Amino acid sequence: MTAPTPDRPGGASAAPDGAGVARLVAVMDRLRSPGGCPWDAQQTHESLLPYALEEVHELVEAVEHGDRGDLREELGDVLLQVVFHARLAQEHPQDPFDLDDVAEGVADKLVRRHPHVFAAGPGSSVDATAAADDVDGQHRRWDRLKRAEKPARTSALDGVPATLGALARSQKLASRARRAGLDAAAPAGPEVRPAPLPDGSLPDGSSSDASAAGAGGLGERLLALVLEADARGVDAEGALRRASAAWEERLRSAETAGAAGASGLRGPDAL
């Protein structure tokens, strides 16, 4: 079967027929229609958010574990979330759109933001002269095209989701700042102070009020590590996740061996 080329509808190239996706859309339509599943019929964009987050995390786990069977299953679960949300959007009374609209929109965006790949044709707005010599050049061009598409964003930092985890969001902000040529140095924070003793005093005899400043200082130190990771091209979230997984394995081994009580489980250096 032939299908339109990715850059311009109407061209011919060999492509999968998408029967599986079409079947999934039909199944979802049946579930949401009268006589379908009561639970599916009650869902909203908001009620599905916890499931979307959970499925993405399970996909990350499948990728990091390297299990092909799990990867295929979790990709399907993420796809289900997209299809489900698109089906809900299709039912909107004022501004409906469906899965095809979503797919067309993202395909158009990819073509528009990769002028070095998709050559311009007659009447096309794609800049065929914009060849990307390296990855950094592609990043700069991507950012420039994105700004043109979203003129309401006045800062290079706009659009970073506030719901990202603190570690991932900090690194995303650092990446945006670096690519925009901003000074991304970590702010200087107060010195990290020791935690209060059980009686409320501090080991150095100073006021326990200083511990509040210590928390702020710890934040700056964590941010500095995130900036270091970004400068080195390391995914801070992934690095911490892998280190935590290794530490957890050591903790579980110690627990099984009956050594957990002796170690105190105070940190990686305790084992």
C-alpha atoms as a PDB file:
ATOM      1  CA  MET A   1       0.000   0.000   0.000  1.00  0.00           C
ATOM      2  CA  THR A   2       1.216   3.518  -0.729  1.00  0.00           C
ATOM      3  CA  ALA A   3       0.833   6.532   1.505  1.00  0.00           C
ATOM      4  CA  PRO A   4       1.610  10.270   1.300  1.00  0.00           C
ATOM      5  CA  THR A   5       5.223  11.221   1.848  1.00  0.00           C
ATOM      6  CA  PRO A   6       5.928  12.726   5.285  1.00  0.00           C
ATOM      7  CA  ASP A   7       6.697  16.205   3.974  1.00  0.00           C
ATOM      8  CA  ARG A   8       3.917  16.757   1.434  1.00  0.00           C
ATOM      9  CA  PRO A   9       0.560  15.004   1.137  1.00  0.00           C
ATOM     10  CA  GLY A  10      -0.070  13.402  -2.212  1.00  0.00           C
ATOM     11  CA  GLY A  11       3.373  11.918  -2.840  1.00  0.00           C
ATOM     12  CA  ALA A  12       3.816   8.163  -3.005  1.00  0.00           C
ATOM     13  CA  SER A  13       6.138   6.018  -0.930  1.00  0.00           C
ATOM     14  CA  ALA A  14       5.958   2.613   0.685  1.00  0.00           C
ATOM     15  CA  ALA A  15       4.572   2.815   4.224  1.00  0.00           C
ATOM     16  CA  PRO A  16       2.733   0.625   6.724  1.00  0.00           C
ATOM     17  CA  ASP A  17      -1.018   0.800   6.291  1.00  0.00           C
ATOM     18  CA  GLY A  18      -1.650   1.750   9.925  1.00  0.00           C
ATOM     19  CA  ALA A  19      -4.315  -0.917  10.371  1.00  0.00           C
ATOM     20  CA  GLY A  20      -3.343  -1.442  14.004  1.00  0.00           C
ATOM     21  CA  VAL A  21      -3.779   2.225  14.855  1.00  0.00           C
ATOM     22  CA  ALA A  22      -7.097   2.319  12.986  1.00  0.00           C
ATOM     23  CA  ARG A  23      -8.283  -0.697  14.978  1.00  0.00           C
ATOM     24  CA  LEU A  24      -7.252   0.951  18.251  1.00  0.00           C
ATOM     25  CA  VAL A  25      -9.211   4.079  17.308  1.00  0.00           C
ATOM     26  CA  ALA A  26     -12.243   1.908  16.504  1.00  0.00           C
ATOM     27  CA  VAL A  27     -11.957   0.080  19.836  1.00  0.00           C
ATOM     28  CA  MET A  28     -11.794   3.383  21.710  1.00  0.00           C
ATOM     29  CA  ASP A  29     -14.787   4.667  19.769  1.00  0.00           C
ATOM     30  CA  ARG A  30     -16.749   1.591  20.824  1.00  0.00           C
ATOM     31  CA  LEU A  31     -15.744   2.017  24.459  1.00  0.00           C
ATOM     32  CA  ARG A  32     -16.829   5.669  24.503  1.00  0.00           C
ATOM     33  CA  SER A  33     -20.078   5.155  22.586  1.00  0.00           C
ATOM     34  CA  PRO A  34     -23.486   4.346  24.137  1.00  0.00           C
ATOM     35  CA  GLY A  35     -23.493   0.743  25.295  1.00  0.00           C
ATOM     36  CA  GLY A  36     -19.722   0.779  25.741  1.00  0.00           C
ATOM     37  CA  CYS A  37     -17.699   0.812  28.959  1.00  0.00           C
ATOM     38  CA  PRO A  38     -19.165   2.932  31.809  1.00  0.00           C
ATOM     39  CA  TRP A  39     -15.705   3.677  33.224  1.00  0.00           C
ATOM     40  CA  ASP A  40     -14.286   4.827  29.885  1.00  0.00           C
ATOM     41  CA  ALA A  41     -17.401   6.902  29.253  1.00  0.00           C
ATOM     42  CA  GLN A  42     -16.876   8.815  32.514  1.00  0.00           C
ATOM     43  CA  GLN A  43     -13.269   9.820  31.888  1.00  0.00           C
ATOM     44  CA  THR A  44     -12.103  13.362  31.175  1.00  0.00           C
ATOM     45  CA  HIS A  45      -8.778  14.887  30.178  1.00  0.00           C
ATOM     46  CA  GLU A  46      -8.219  15.738  33.833  1.00  0.00           C
ATOM     47  CA  SER A  47      -9.129  12.309  35.222  1.00  0.00           C
ATOM     48  CA  LEU A  48      -6.729  10.604  32.793  1.00  0.00           C
ATOM     49  CA  LEU A  49      -3.680  12.663  33.771  1.00  0.00           C
ATOM     50  CA  PRO A  50      -2.472  10.296  36.542  1.00  0.00           C
ATOM     51  CA  TYR A  51      -2.607   7.388  34.095  1.00  0.00           C
ATOM     52  CA  ALA A  52      -0.666   9.304  31.442  1.00  0.00           C
ATOM     53  CA  LEU A  53       2.078  10.129  33.940  1.00  0.00           C
ATOM     54  CA  GLU A  54       2.203   6.548  35.190  1.00  0.00           C
ATOM     55  CA  GLU A  55       2.438   5.105  31.678  1.00  0.00           C
ATOM     56  CA  VAL A  56       5.280   7.445  30.710  1.00  0.00           C
ATOM     57  CA  HIS A  57       7.210   6.445  33.832  1.00  0.00           C
ATOM     58  CA  GLU A  58       6.651   2.775  33.006  1.00  0.00           C
ATOM     59  CA  LEU A  59       7.943   3.428  29.489  1.00  0.00           C
ATOM     60  CA  VAL A  60      11.099   4.995  30.935  1.00  0.00           C
ATOM     61  CA  GLU A  61      11.569   1.931  33.124  1.00  0.00           C
ATOM     62  CA  ALA A  62      11.110  -0.425  30.170  1.00  0.00           C
ATOM     63  CA  VAL A  63      13.706   1.474  28.130  1.00  0.00           C
ATOM     64  CA  GLU A  64      16.234   1.494  30.951  1.00  0.00           C
ATOM     65  CA  HIS A  65      15.713  -2.205  31.670  1.00  0.00           C
ATOM     66  CA  GLY A  66      16.224  -3.057  27.998  1.00  0.00           C
ATOM     67  CA  ASP A  67      13.277  -5.461  27.846  1.00  0.00           C
ATOM     68  CA  ARG A  68      11.867  -5.454  24.303  1.00  0.00           C
ATOM     69  CA  GLY A  69       8.593  -7.071  25.307  1.00  0.00           C
ATOM     70  CA  ASP A  70       7.995  -4.505  28.037  1.00  0.00           C
ATOM     71  CA  LEU A  71       9.013  -1.714  25.668  1.00  0.00           C
ATOM     72  CA  ARG A  72       6.431  -2.777  23.105  1.00  0.00           C
ATOM     73  CA  GLU A  73       3.721  -3.043  25.754  1.00  0.00           C
ATOM     74  CA  GLU A  74       4.506   0.303  27.372  1.00  0.00           C
ATOM     75  CA  LEU A  75       4.642   2.079  24.018  1.00  0.00           C
ATOM     76  CA  GLY A  76       1.164   0.703  23.435  1.00  0.00           C
ATOM     77  CA  ASP A  77      -0.022   2.014  26.793  1.00  0.00           C
ATOM     78  CA  VAL A  78       1.353   5.481  26.009  1.00  0.00           C
ATOM     79  CA  LEU A  79      -0.293   5.342  22.576  1.00  0.00           C
ATOM     80  CA  LEU A  80      -3.563   4.425  24.276  1.00  0.00           C
ATOM     81  CA  GLN A  81      -3.363   7.610  26.319  1.00  0.00           C
ATOM     82  CA  VAL A  82      -2.895   9.677  23.149  1.00  0.00           C
ATOM     83  CA  VAL A  83      -5.806   7.939  21.424  1.00  0.00           C
ATOM     84  CA  PHE A  84      -8.007   8.307  24.519  1.00  0.00           C
ATOM     85  CA  HIS A  85      -7.310  12.035  24.841  1.00  0.00           C
ATOM     86  CA  ALA A  86      -7.861  12.529  21.106  1.00  0.00           C
ATOM     87  CA  ARG A  87     -11.210  10.724  21.370  1.00  0.00           C
ATOM     88  CA  LEU A  88     -12.238  13.039  24.205  1.00  0.00           C
ATOM     89  CA  ALA A  89     -11.142  16.054  22.168  1.00  0.00           C
ATOM     90  CA  GLN A  90     -13.273  14.828  19.277  1.00  0.00           C
ATOM     91  CA  GLU A  91     -16.349  15.169  21.498  1.00  0.00           C
ATOM     92  CA  HIS A  92     -15.723  18.827  22.400  1.00  0.00           C
ATOM     93  CA  PRO A  93     -18.774  20.872  21.354  1.00  0.00           C
ATOM     94  CA  GLN A  94     -16.944  24.081  20.380  1.00  0.00           C
ATOM     95  CA  ASP A  95     -13.443  23.038  19.299  1.00  0.00           C
ATOM     96  CA  PRO A  96     -13.337  19.357  18.303  1.00  0.00           C
ATOM     97  CA  PHE A  97     -10.305  17.641  16.809  1.00  0.00           C
ATOM     98  CA  ASP A  98      -9.355  14.004  16.356  1.00  0.00           C
ATOM     99  CA  LEU A  99      -6.284  11.782  16.167  1.00  0.00           C
ATOM    100  CA  ASP A 100      -5.710  12.607  12.499  1.00  0.00           C
ATOM    101  CA  ASP A 101      -5.648  16.314  13.340  1.00  0.00           C
ATOM    102  CA  VAL A 102      -3.110  15.643  16.097  1.00  0.00           C
ATOM    103  CA  ALA A 103      -0.920  13.560  13.770  1.00  0.00           C
ATOM    104  CA  GLU A 104      -1.123  16.088  10.935  1.00  0.00           C
ATOM    105  CA  GLY A 105      -0.211  18.893  13.307  1.00  0.00           C
ATOM    106  CA  VAL A 106       2.894  17.213  14.666  1.00  0.00           C
ATOM    107  CA  ALA A 107       3.960  16.056  11.174  1.00  0.00           C
ATOM    108  CA  ASP A 108       3.657  19.625   9.886  1.00  0.00           C
ATOM    109  CA  LYS A 109       5.700  20.853  12.845  1.00  0.00           C
ATOM    110  CA  LEU A 110       8.480  18.333  12.249  1.00  0.00           C
ATOM    111  CA  VAL A 111       8.711  19.264   8.579  1.00  0.00           C
ATOM    112  CA  ARG A 112       8.679  22.971   9.392  1.00  0.00           C
ATOM    113  CA  ARG A 113      11.419  22.629  11.998  1.00  0.00           C
ATOM    114  CA  HIS A 114      13.684  20.456   9.843  1.00  0.00           C
ATOM    115  CA  PRO A 115      14.315  22.615   6.771  1.00  0.00           C
ATOM    116  CA  HIS A 116      17.717  20.947   6.386  1.00  0.00           C
ATOM    117  CA  VAL A 117      15.938  17.631   5.738  1.00  0.00           C
ATOM    118  CA  PHE A 118      12.781  18.508   3.800  1.00  0.00           C
ATOM    119  CA  ALA A 119      13.621  20.418   0.633  1.00  0.00           C
ATOM    120  CA  ALA A 120      11.308  23.205  -0.432  1.00  0.00           C
ATOM    121  CA  GLY A 121       8.896  22.583  -3.251  1.00  0.00           C
ATOM    122  CA  PRO A 122       6.741  24.944  -5.315  1.00  0.00           C
ATOM    123  CA  GLY A 123       4.718  27.101  -2.972  1.00  0.00           C
ATOM    124  CA  SER A 124       6.384  25.639   0.111  1.00  0.00           C
ATOM    125  CA  SER A 125       7.368  27.819   3.058  1.00  0.00           C
ATOM    126  CA  VAL A 126      10.255  25.479   3.926  1.00  0.00           C
ATOM    127  CA  ASP A 127      13.642  27.166   3.647  1.00  0.00           C
ATOM    128  CA  ALA A 128      15.744  24.772   1.548  1.00  0.00           C
ATOM    129  CA  THR A 129      18.887  26.869   2.058  1.00  0.00           C
ATOM    130  CA  ALA A 130      18.873  26.375   5.815  1.00  0.00           C
ATOM    131  CA  ALA A 131      21.379  23.544   6.004  1.00  0.00           C
ATOM    132  CA  ALA A 132      22.360  22.455   9.486  1.00  0.00           C
ATOM    133  CA  ASP A 133      26.087  21.826   9.795  1.00  0.00           C
ATOM    134  CA  ASP A 134      25.984  20.385  13.304  1.00  0.00           C
ATOM    135  CA  VAL A 135      23.698  19.577  16.218  1.00  0.00           C
ATOM    136  CA  ASP A 136      24.224  22.992  17.837  1.00  0.00           C
ATOM    137  CA  GLY A 137      23.192  24.657  14.602  1.00  0.00           C
ATOM    138  CA  GLN A 138      20.070  22.523  14.508  1.00  0.00           C
ATOM    139  CA  HIS A 139      19.247  23.507  18.093  1.00  0.00           C
ATOM    140  CA  ARG A 140      19.601  27.204  17.319  1.00  0.00           C
ATOM    141  CA  ARG A 141      17.448  26.879  14.213  1.00  0.00           C
ATOM    142  CA  TRP A 142      14.850  24.848  16.118  1.00  0.00           C
ATOM    143  CA  ASP A 143      14.669  27.526  18.809  1.00  0.00           C
ATOM    144  CA  ARG A 144      14.371  30.294  16.230  1.00  0.00           C
ATOM    145  CA  LEU A 145      11.579  28.526  14.347  1.00  0.00           C
ATOM    146  CA  LYS A 146       9.806  27.730  17.600  1.00  0.00           C
ATOM    147  CA  ARG A 147       9.903  31.397  18.638  1.00  0.00           C
ATOM    148  CA  ALA A 148       8.387  32.366  15.292  1.00  0.00           C
ATOM    149  CA  GLU A 149       5.579  29.844  15.834  1.00  0.00           C
ATOM    150  CA  LYS A 150       4.877  31.029  19.391  1.00  0.00           C
ATOM    151  CA  PRO A 151       5.217  34.837  19.389  1.00  0.00           C
ATOM    152  CA  ALA A 152       3.435  35.117  22.748  1.00  0.00           C
ATOM    153  CA  ARG A 153       6.495  33.627  24.442  1.00  0.00           C
ATOM    154  CA  THR A 154       8.816  36.495  25.270  1.00  0.00           C
ATOM    155  CA  SER A 155      11.490  34.556  27.160  1.00  0.00           C
ATOM    156  CA  ALA A 156      13.726  31.649  26.222  1.00  0.00           C
ATOM    157  CA  LEU A 157      12.529  30.063  29.460  1.00  0.00           C
ATOM    158  CA  ASP A 158       8.825  30.215  28.582  1.00  0.00           C
ATOM    159  CA  GLY A 159       7.126  26.891  27.957  1.00  0.00           C
ATOM    160  CA  VAL A 160       9.083  24.763  30.431  1.00  0.00           C
ATOM    161  CA  PRO A 161       6.282  22.870  32.235  1.00  0.00           C
ATOM    162  CA  ALA A 162       5.875  23.822  35.878  1.00  0.00           C
ATOM    163  CA  THR A 163       4.748  20.249  36.585  1.00  0.00           C
ATOM    164  CA  LEU A 164       8.128  18.742  35.696  1.00  0.00           C
ATOM    165  CA  GLY A 165      10.036  17.305  38.628  1.00  0.00           C
ATOM    166  CA  ALA A 166      12.390  19.829  40.215  1.00  0.00           C
ATOM    167  CA  LEU A 167      15.506  18.055  38.945  1.00  0.00           C
ATOM    168  CA  ALA A 168      14.308  17.695  35.347  1.00  0.00           C
ATOM    169  CA  ARG A 169      12.879  21.223  35.264  1.00  0.00           C
ATOM    170  CA  SER A 170      16.113  22.738  36.566  1.00  0.00           C
ATOM    171  CA  GLN A 171      18.093  21.007  33.834  1.00  0.00           C
ATOM    172  CA  LYS A 172      15.591  22.055  31.169  1.00  0.00           C
ATOM    173  CA  LEU A 173      15.890  25.674  32.308  1.00  0.00           C
ATOM    174  CA  ALA A 174      19.686  25.348  32.267  1.00  0.00           C
ATOM    175  CA  SER A 175      19.614  23.976  28.728  1.00  0.00           C
ATOM    176  CA  ARG A 176      17.318  26.762  27.538  1.00  0.00           C
ATOM    177  CA  ALA A 177      19.484  29.404  29.212  1.00  0.00           C
ATOM    178  CA  ARG A 178      22.698  28.004  27.748  1.00  0.00           C
ATOM    179  CA  ARG A 179      21.274  27.868  24.229  1.00  0.00           C
ATOM    180  CA  ALA A 180      20.007  31.449  24.596  1.00  0.00           C
ATOM    181  CA  GLY A 181      23.447  32.659  25.699  1.00  0.00           C
ATOM    182  CA  LEU A 182      22.286  33.551  29.207  1.00  0.00           C
ATOM    183  CA  ASP A 183      24.472  33.326  32.289  1.00  0.00           C
ATOM    184  CA  ALA A 184      23.441  29.960  33.708  1.00  0.00           C
ATOM    185  CA  ALA A 185      25.771  29.982  36.695  1.00  0.00           C
ATOM    186  CA  ALA A 186      24.172  28.686  39.879  1.00  0.00           C
ATOM    187  CA  PRO A 187      23.280  31.449  42.344  1.00  0.00           C
ATOM    188  CA  ALA A 188      25.355  31.634  45.492  1.00  0.00           C
ATOM    189  CA  GLY A 189      23.422  30.375  48.469  1.00  0.00           C
ATOM    190  CA  PRO A 190      23.953  30.312  52.217  1.00  0.00           C
ATOM    191  CA  GLU A 191      26.267  27.735  53.691  1.00  0.00           C
ATOM    192  CA  VAL A 192      24.555  24.434  54.386  1.00  0.00           C
ATOM    193  CA  ARG A 193      24.156  24.087  58.137  1.00  0.00           C
ATOM    194  CA  PRO A 194      23.858  20.823  60.083  1.00  0.00           C
ATOM    195  CA  ALA A 195      20.421  19.526  61.017  1.00  0.00           C
ATOM    196  CA  PRO A 196      19.133  20.321  64.529  1.00  0.00           C
ATOM    197  CA  LEU A 197      19.648  17.799  67.307  1.00  0.00           C
ATOM    198  CA  PRO A 198      16.577  16.177  68.926  1.00  0.00           C
ATOM    199  CA  ASP A 199      16.482  18.943  71.559  1.00  0.00           C
ATOM    200  CA  GLY A 200      16.327  21.624  68.849  1.00  0.00           C
ATOM    201  CA  SER A 201      19.897  22.854  69.229  1.00  0.00           C
ATOM    202  CA  LEU A 202      22.582  22.634  66.551  1.00  0.00           C
ATOM    203  CA  PRO A 203      25.839  20.681  66.922  1.00  0.00           C
ATOM    204  CA  ASP A 204      27.881  23.890  66.656  1.00  0.00           C
ATOM    205  CA  GLY A 205      25.834  25.579  69.388  1.00  0.00           C
ATOM    206  CA  SER A 206      24.266  28.175  67.089  1.00  0.00           C
ATOM    207  CA  SER A 207      20.576  28.993  66.921  1.00  0.00           C
ATOM    208  CA  SER A 208      18.346  26.373  65.341  1.00  0.00           C
ATOM    209  CA  ASP A 209      16.844  29.174  63.215  1.00  0.00           C
ATOM    210  CA  ALA A 210      19.933  28.855  61.041  1.00  0.00           C
ATOM    211  CA  SER A 211      18.732  25.459  59.832  1.00  0.00           C
ATOM    212  CA  ALA A 212      16.171  27.177  57.607  1.00  0.00           C
ATOM    213  CA  ALA A 213      18.993  28.893  55.755  1.00  0.00           C
ATOM    214  CA  GLY A 214      20.722  25.540  55.498  1.00  0.00           C
ATOM    215  CA  ALA A 215      17.837  24.159  53.451  1.00  0.00           C
ATOM    216  CA  GLY A 216      18.235  27.008  50.999  1.00  0.00           C
ATOM    217  CA  GLY A 217      21.948  26.388  50.721  1.00  0.00           C
ATOM    218  CA  LEU A 218      21.295  22.755  49.936  1.00  0.00           C
ATOM    219  CA  GLY A 219      19.009  23.811  47.107  1.00  0.00           C
ATOM    220  CA  GLU A 220      21.762  25.908  45.547  1.00  0.00           C
ATOM    221  CA  ARG A 221      24.202  23.008  45.823  1.00  0.00           C
ATOM    222  CA  LEU A 222      21.727  20.675  44.138  1.00  0.00           C
ATOM    223  CA  LEU A 223      21.173  23.239  41.395  1.00  0.00           C
ATOM    224  CA  ALA A 224      24.930  23.542  40.874  1.00  0.00           C
ATOM    225  CA  LEU A 225      25.118  19.766  40.343  1.00  0.00           C
ATOM    226  CA  VAL A 226      22.291  19.953  37.798  1.00  0.00           C
ATOM    227  CA  LEU A 227      24.118  22.713  35.915  1.00  0.00           C
ATOM    228  CA  GLU A 228      27.292  20.633  35.969  1.00  0.00           C
ATOM    229  CA  ALA A 229      25.373  17.682  34.529  1.00  0.00           C
ATOM    230  CA  ASP A 230      23.899  19.855  31.778  1.00  0.00           C
ATOM    231  CA  ALA A 231      27.312  21.270  30.877  1.00  0.00           C
ATOM    232  CA  ARG A 232      28.654  17.720  30.579  1.00  0.00           C
ATOM    233  CA  GLY A 233      25.695  16.514  28.519  1.00  0.00           C
ATOM    234  CA  VAL A 234      24.485  14.194  31.283  1.00  0.00           C
ATOM    235  CA  ASP A 235      20.800  13.650  32.054  1.00  0.00           C
ATOM    236  CA  ALA A 236      20.729  14.510  35.761  1.00  0.00           C
ATOM    237  CA  GLU A 237      17.366  12.844  36.321  1.00  0.00           C
ATOM    238  CA  GLY A 238      18.531   9.615  34.694  1.00  0.00           C
ATOM    239  CA  ALA A 239      21.867   9.667  36.514  1.00  0.00           C
ATOM    240  CA  LEU A 240      20.174  10.075  39.891  1.00  0.00           C
ATOM    241  CA  ARG A 241      17.600   7.421  39.025  1.00  0.00           C
ATOM    242  CA  ARG A 242      20.326   4.904  38.164  1.00  0.00           C
ATOM    243  CA  ALA A 243      22.331   5.742  41.281  1.00  0.00           C
ATOM    244  CA  SER A 244      19.199   5.423  43.421  1.00  0.00           C
ATOM    245  CA  ALA A 245      18.381   2.063  41.844  1.00  0.00           C
ATOM    246  CA  ALA A 246      21.878   0.761  42.601  1.00  0.00           C
ATOM    247  CA  TRP A 247      21.646   2.069  46.164  1.00  0.00           C
ATOM    248  CA  GLU A 248      18.218   0.495  46.601  1.00  0.00           C
ATOM    249  CA  GLU A 249      19.614  -2.844  45.471  1.00  0.00           C
ATOM    250  CA  ARG A 250      22.379  -2.578  48.064  1.00  0.00           C
ATOM    251  CA  LEU A 251      19.853  -1.671  50.752  1.00  0.00           C
ATOM    252  CA  ARG A 252      17.680  -4.638  49.868  1.00  0.00           C
ATOM    253  CA  SER A 253      20.669  -6.964  49.937  1.00  0.00           C
ATOM    254  CA  ALA A 254      21.672  -5.635  53.346  1.00  0.00           C
ATOM    255  CA  GLU A 255      18.104  -5.976  54.568  1.00  0.00           C
ATOM    256  CA  THR A 256      17.947  -9.576  53.408  1.00  0.00           C
ATOM    257  CA  ALA A 257      21.250 -10.333  55.102  1.00  0.00           C
ATOM    258  CA  GLY A 258      20.032  -8.835  58.343  1.00  0.00           C
ATOM    259  CA  ALA A 259      22.548  -5.988  58.191  1.00  0.00           C
ATOM    260  CA  ALA A 260      20.059  -3.154  57.763  1.00  0.00           C
ATOM    261  CA  GLY A 261      19.868  -2.393  61.474  1.00  0.00           C
ATOM    262  CA  ALA A 262      23.622  -2.222  61.871  1.00  0.00           C
ATOM    263  CA  SER A 263      24.084   0.058  58.872  1.00  0.00           C
ATOM    264  CA  GLY A 264      21.391   2.487  59.977  1.00  0.00           C
ATOM    265  CA  LEU A 265      20.338   2.987  56.333  1.00  0.00           C
ATOM    266  CA  ARG A 266      21.632   6.549  56.444  1.00  0.00           C
ATOM    267  CA  GLY A 267      22.929   6.856  52.920  1.00  0.00           C
ATOM    268  CA  PRO A 268      25.012   5.243  50.186  1.00  0.00           C
ATOM    269  CA  ASP A 269      28.176   5.398  52.316  1.00  0.00           C
ATOM    270  CA  ALA A 270      26.512   3.486  55.136  1.00  0.00           C
ATOM    271  CA  LEU A 271      26.811   0.189  53.262  1.00  0.00           C
END
